[in-house]
Amino acid sequence: MGMDRAKIAARIGEHLAFLQEMGIREIRVPKGKAARQGPGKIEGLEEIRIDLGDCTRCPLHQGRKQIVFGEGNSSADLVFVGEGPGRDEDLQGRPFVGRAGQLLDRILQAMGLRREEVYIANMVKCRPPGNRVPQKTEIDTCVPFLMRQLQAIRPRIVCTMGSVASQTLLEIQTPISRIRGKFHERHGLLILPTFHPAYLLRNPEKKREVWIDMKVILAKLGLEPPSRKSGIGSQ
């Protein structure tokens, strides 16, 4: 038991140090909340969403219709992180509901998982104009909220989809083609980068590589696809 407590204390220290690195100097926990949340769980997703509020911290808020916070299982073992909301996401206030989201749903189905079992979020929570790549200042403003979400969920694996999410969380500039399909540890998170579903829509021949990545994730989680014939498909 002593060893377990030491590990927990070390994990909490790592989390607090990382939050400090991200510029978070104060953690607001309602009275009596910490005990219910359990060891190492600093705050819940509801508290983070309340703190985010009707965010106007960066210029992206000027063109958005809705904030896309993220959705799914608040204690998921697997979290998917993309780049930013698109048109359909902005209209519905939900992540990955457009064509790329439909492909992600098929990927999850092939893995034997449901949307409700994982958590899905993005680097930025407001749609960039014309679906352009988020700028560094916009990412820097929004990433602390994403990191707080990840610290609250405490997933076993974070699957970053695309160059922006992968390079940002890993703090590297290495091309996605060189880092995908391999586990990387950063700030207490086990991260596996893969191609973005939107990229797969333009390059369907890359679906096979993403399916290989998903099988690596399943193996790490101790799971298997529903059948040996499972795959993402050609659509």
Protein backbone atom coordinates (compact mmCIF):
# COMPACT_ATOMS: atom_id res chain seq x y z
CA MET A 1 0.00 0.00 0.00
CA GLY A 2 2.87 2.36 0.82
CA MET A 3 4.28 1.91 -2.67
CA ASP A 4 0.86 2.62 -4.22
CA ARG A 5 0.54 5.84 -2.26
CA ALA A 6 4.03 6.89 -3.30
CA LYS A 7 3.15 6.33 -6.94
CA ILE A 8 -0.07 8.31 -6.55
CA ALA A 9 1.78 11.16 -4.87
CA ALA A 10 4.38 11.20 -7.65
CA ARG A 11 1.63 11.23 -10.31
CA ILE A 12 -0.13 14.13 -8.61
CA GLY A 13 3.18 16.01 -8.47
CA GLU A 14 3.72 15.46 -12.18
CA HIS A 15 0.23 16.68 -12.99
CA LEU A 16 0.60 19.81 -10.87
CA ALA A 17 4.01 20.57 -12.39
CA PHE A 18 2.56 20.23 -15.87
CA LEU A 19 -0.38 22.50 -15.08
CA GLN A 20 2.11 25.07 -13.82
CA GLU A 21 4.06 24.76 -17.07
CA MET A 22 0.86 25.44 -19.00
CA GLY A 23 0.35 28.69 -17.06
CA ILE A 24 -2.32 27.40 -14.67
CA ARG A 25 -1.43 28.90 -11.31
CA GLU A 26 -4.63 28.24 -9.40
CA ILE A 27 -6.92 25.20 -9.20
CA ARG A 28 -10.39 25.97 -7.98
CA VAL A 29 -12.05 22.98 -6.33
CA PRO A 30 -15.46 23.43 -4.66
CA LYS A 31 -15.50 22.62 -0.95
CA GLY A 32 -15.90 18.89 -0.36
CA LYS A 33 -15.39 18.04 -4.02
CA ALA A 34 -11.82 16.74 -3.85
CA ALA A 35 -12.66 13.85 -1.56
CA ARG A 36 -15.42 12.62 -3.88
CA GLN A 37 -13.24 12.84 -6.96
CA GLY A 38 -10.61 10.46 -5.64
CA PRO A 39 -6.80 10.49 -5.60
CA GLY A 40 -5.12 12.61 -8.22
CA LYS A 41 -8.32 13.84 -9.85
CA ILE A 42 -8.00 17.59 -9.64
CA GLU A 43 -11.29 18.72 -11.14
CA GLY A 44 -14.16 17.38 -13.22
CA LEU A 45 -15.20 18.15 -16.78
CA GLU A 46 -18.20 20.16 -15.59
CA GLU A 47 -15.97 22.51 -13.61
CA ILE A 48 -13.69 22.96 -16.61
CA ARG A 49 -16.64 23.72 -18.89
CA ILE A 50 -17.97 26.27 -16.42
CA ASP A 51 -14.55 27.92 -16.23
CA LEU A 52 -14.36 28.04 -20.04
CA GLY A 53 -17.68 29.84 -20.08
CA ASP A 54 -18.68 31.84 -23.15
CA CYS A 55 -15.01 32.06 -24.05
CA THR A 56 -13.66 35.22 -25.69
CA ARG A 57 -9.99 34.59 -24.89
CA CYS A 58 -8.86 34.52 -28.53
CA PRO A 59 -10.20 35.96 -31.83
CA LEU A 60 -11.77 32.64 -32.88
CA HIS A 61 -14.84 33.45 -30.80
CA GLN A 62 -15.77 36.22 -33.22
CA GLY A 63 -16.83 33.84 -35.99
CA ARG A 64 -18.12 30.86 -34.08
CA LYS A 65 -21.71 29.81 -33.56
CA GLN A 66 -21.03 27.44 -30.68
CA ILE A 67 -18.17 26.29 -28.49
CA VAL A 68 -17.34 22.63 -29.14
CA PHE A 69 -16.09 21.47 -25.75
CA GLY A 70 -15.88 17.72 -26.32
CA GLU A 71 -18.06 14.74 -25.50
CA GLY A 72 -18.01 11.13 -24.40
CA ASN A 73 -17.13 9.04 -21.38
CA SER A 74 -15.72 11.20 -18.60
CA SER A 75 -13.56 8.28 -17.42
CA ALA A 76 -12.68 6.86 -20.83
CA ASP A 77 -9.58 4.72 -21.30
CA LEU A 78 -9.18 6.15 -24.81
CA VAL A 79 -9.38 9.79 -25.88
CA PHE A 80 -9.27 11.02 -29.47
CA VAL A 81 -7.96 14.55 -30.07
CA GLY A 82 -8.34 16.36 -33.38
CA GLU A 83 -7.47 19.79 -34.68
CA GLY A 84 -10.57 21.96 -34.42
CA PRO A 85 -14.30 22.09 -35.17
CA GLY A 86 -15.55 22.35 -38.74
CA ARG A 87 -18.80 23.72 -40.11
CA ASP A 88 -21.03 20.85 -38.94
CA GLU A 89 -19.40 20.81 -35.50
CA ASP A 90 -19.84 24.57 -35.16
CA LEU A 91 -23.53 24.25 -36.00
CA GLN A 92 -24.21 21.33 -33.66
CA GLY A 93 -21.77 22.09 -30.86
CA ARG A 94 -20.42 18.51 -31.01
CA PRO A 95 -17.00 17.22 -32.13
CA PHE A 96 -16.58 15.10 -35.26
CA VAL A 97 -20.13 15.02 -36.63
CA GLY A 98 -19.36 15.89 -40.27
CA ARG A 99 -17.90 13.61 -42.94
CA ALA A 100 -14.67 13.14 -41.00
CA GLY A 101 -16.72 12.35 -37.90
CA GLN A 102 -18.73 9.74 -39.77
CA LEU A 103 -15.46 8.09 -40.75
CA LEU A 104 -14.29 8.22 -37.14
CA ASP A 105 -17.54 6.48 -36.16
CA ARG A 106 -16.75 3.70 -38.64
CA ILE A 107 -13.25 3.41 -37.22
CA LEU A 108 -14.68 3.05 -33.72
CA GLN A 109 -17.19 0.48 -34.95
CA ALA A 110 -14.40 -1.53 -36.56
CA MET A 111 -12.56 -1.42 -33.22
CA GLY A 112 -15.63 -2.77 -31.44
CA LEU A 113 -16.16 0.53 -29.60
CA ARG A 114 -19.00 3.02 -29.38
CA ARG A 115 -18.71 6.81 -29.28
CA GLU A 116 -20.12 6.76 -25.77
CA GLU A 117 -17.20 4.63 -24.56
CA VAL A 118 -14.44 7.04 -25.61
CA TYR A 119 -13.94 10.78 -25.29
CA ILE A 120 -13.53 13.06 -28.32
CA ALA A 121 -12.13 16.59 -28.28
CA ASN A 122 -10.09 19.08 -30.31
CA MET A 123 -7.07 21.31 -29.82
CA VAL A 124 -9.24 24.43 -30.19
CA LYS A 125 -12.88 24.68 -29.26
CA CYS A 126 -14.03 27.26 -31.82
CA ARG A 127 -14.12 26.85 -35.60
CA PRO A 128 -11.24 28.61 -37.38
CA PRO A 129 -12.47 30.75 -40.32
CA GLY A 130 -12.79 28.67 -43.48
CA ASN A 131 -11.59 25.61 -41.55
CA ARG A 132 -8.02 26.89 -41.72
CA VAL A 133 -5.30 25.48 -39.48
CA PRO A 134 -5.46 27.05 -35.99
CA GLN A 135 -2.77 29.63 -35.36
CA LYS A 136 -0.21 29.14 -32.61
CA THR A 137 -1.66 31.88 -30.42
CA GLU A 138 -5.11 30.30 -30.71
CA ILE A 139 -3.75 26.86 -29.82
CA ASP A 140 -1.72 28.26 -26.92
CA THR A 141 -4.88 29.88 -25.55
CA CYS A 142 -7.02 26.76 -25.81
CA VAL A 143 -4.60 23.92 -25.03
CA PRO A 144 -4.64 24.50 -21.24
CA PHE A 145 -8.36 23.64 -21.24
CA LEU A 146 -7.71 20.49 -23.27
CA MET A 147 -4.95 19.46 -20.88
CA ARG A 148 -7.26 19.99 -17.93
CA GLN A 149 -9.80 17.75 -19.66
CA LEU A 150 -7.18 15.05 -20.11
CA GLN A 151 -6.08 15.37 -16.49
CA ALA A 152 -9.71 15.02 -15.38
CA ILE A 153 -10.38 11.98 -17.58
CA ARG A 154 -7.00 10.32 -16.99
CA PRO A 155 -7.18 8.05 -20.05
CA ARG A 156 -4.82 5.16 -20.61
CA ILE A 157 -4.21 6.30 -24.19
CA VAL A 158 -4.59 9.57 -26.11
CA CYS A 159 -4.88 9.14 -29.87
CA THR A 160 -3.93 12.39 -31.60
CA MET A 161 -5.33 12.71 -35.10
CA GLY A 162 -3.32 14.73 -37.59
CA SER A 163 -0.18 16.85 -37.50
CA VAL A 164 -1.52 19.77 -35.47
CA ALA A 165 -2.76 17.73 -32.51
CA SER A 166 0.18 15.33 -32.57
CA GLN A 167 2.94 17.94 -32.86
CA THR A 168 1.31 20.20 -30.28
CA LEU A 169 0.86 17.59 -27.55
CA LEU A 170 4.25 16.03 -28.20
CA GLU A 171 5.92 19.46 -28.56
CA ILE A 172 7.80 18.40 -31.69
CA GLN A 173 7.84 19.32 -35.38
CA THR A 174 8.39 15.81 -36.75
CA PRO A 175 6.06 14.96 -39.66
CA ILE A 176 3.04 12.85 -38.76
CA SER A 177 4.17 10.18 -41.24
CA ARG A 178 7.24 9.53 -39.07
CA ILE A 179 5.60 9.45 -35.66
CA ARG A 180 2.26 7.73 -36.34
CA GLY A 181 1.58 4.28 -34.99
CA LYS A 182 4.11 4.54 -32.15
CA PHE A 183 3.53 5.32 -28.51
CA HIS A 184 5.11 8.46 -27.07
CA GLU A 185 5.07 9.59 -23.44
CA ARG A 186 4.68 13.25 -22.64
CA HIS A 187 3.59 14.95 -19.41
CA GLY A 188 2.30 11.68 -17.97
CA LEU A 189 0.22 10.88 -21.08
CA LEU A 190 0.63 7.88 -23.37
CA ILE A 191 0.07 9.31 -26.85
CA LEU A 192 -0.31 7.52 -30.18
CA PRO A 193 -0.47 9.78 -33.26
CA THR A 194 -2.31 8.77 -36.41
CA PHE A 195 -3.68 10.41 -39.55
CA HIS A 196 -6.73 12.67 -39.29
CA PRO A 197 -10.00 11.24 -40.67
CA ALA A 198 -10.30 14.28 -42.97
CA TYR A 199 -6.92 13.32 -44.46
CA LEU A 200 -8.22 9.80 -45.02
CA LEU A 201 -11.16 11.19 -46.99
CA ARG A 202 -8.66 12.76 -49.39
CA ASN A 203 -6.23 9.83 -49.26
CA PRO A 204 -8.28 6.64 -48.78
CA GLU A 205 -5.22 4.47 -49.44
CA LYS A 206 -3.94 5.55 -45.99
CA LYS A 207 -6.86 3.88 -44.19
CA ARG A 208 -4.87 0.66 -43.95
CA GLU A 209 -2.14 2.44 -41.97
CA VAL A 210 -4.69 3.96 -39.60
CA TRP A 211 -6.28 0.56 -39.07
CA ILE A 212 -2.85 -0.79 -38.12
CA ASP A 213 -2.56 2.07 -35.62
CA MET A 214 -5.98 1.27 -34.15
CA LYS A 215 -4.98 -2.37 -33.68
CA VAL A 216 -1.89 -1.20 -31.79
CA ILE A 217 -4.19 0.78 -29.49
CA LEU A 218 -6.54 -2.17 -29.01
CA ALA A 219 -3.63 -4.43 -28.13
CA LYS A 220 -2.39 -1.94 -25.54
CA LEU A 221 -5.88 -1.84 -24.02
CA GLY A 222 -6.05 -5.63 -24.02
CA LEU A 223 -8.87 -5.66 -26.58
CA GLU A 224 -9.39 -7.27 -29.97
CA PRO A 225 -11.41 -6.18 -33.05
CA PRO A 226 -14.84 -7.87 -33.35
CA SER A 227 -13.47 -10.13 -36.09
CA ARG A 228 -10.28 -10.77 -37.99
CA LYS A 229 -11.94 -9.31 -41.09
CA SER A 230 -12.53 -5.98 -39.34
CA GLY A 231 -11.23 -2.87 -41.02
CA ILE A 232 -12.11 0.72 -41.84
CA GLY A 233 -13.34 -0.09 -45.35
CA SER A 234 -13.02 1.78 -48.61
CA GLN A 235 -15.84 4.31 -48.21
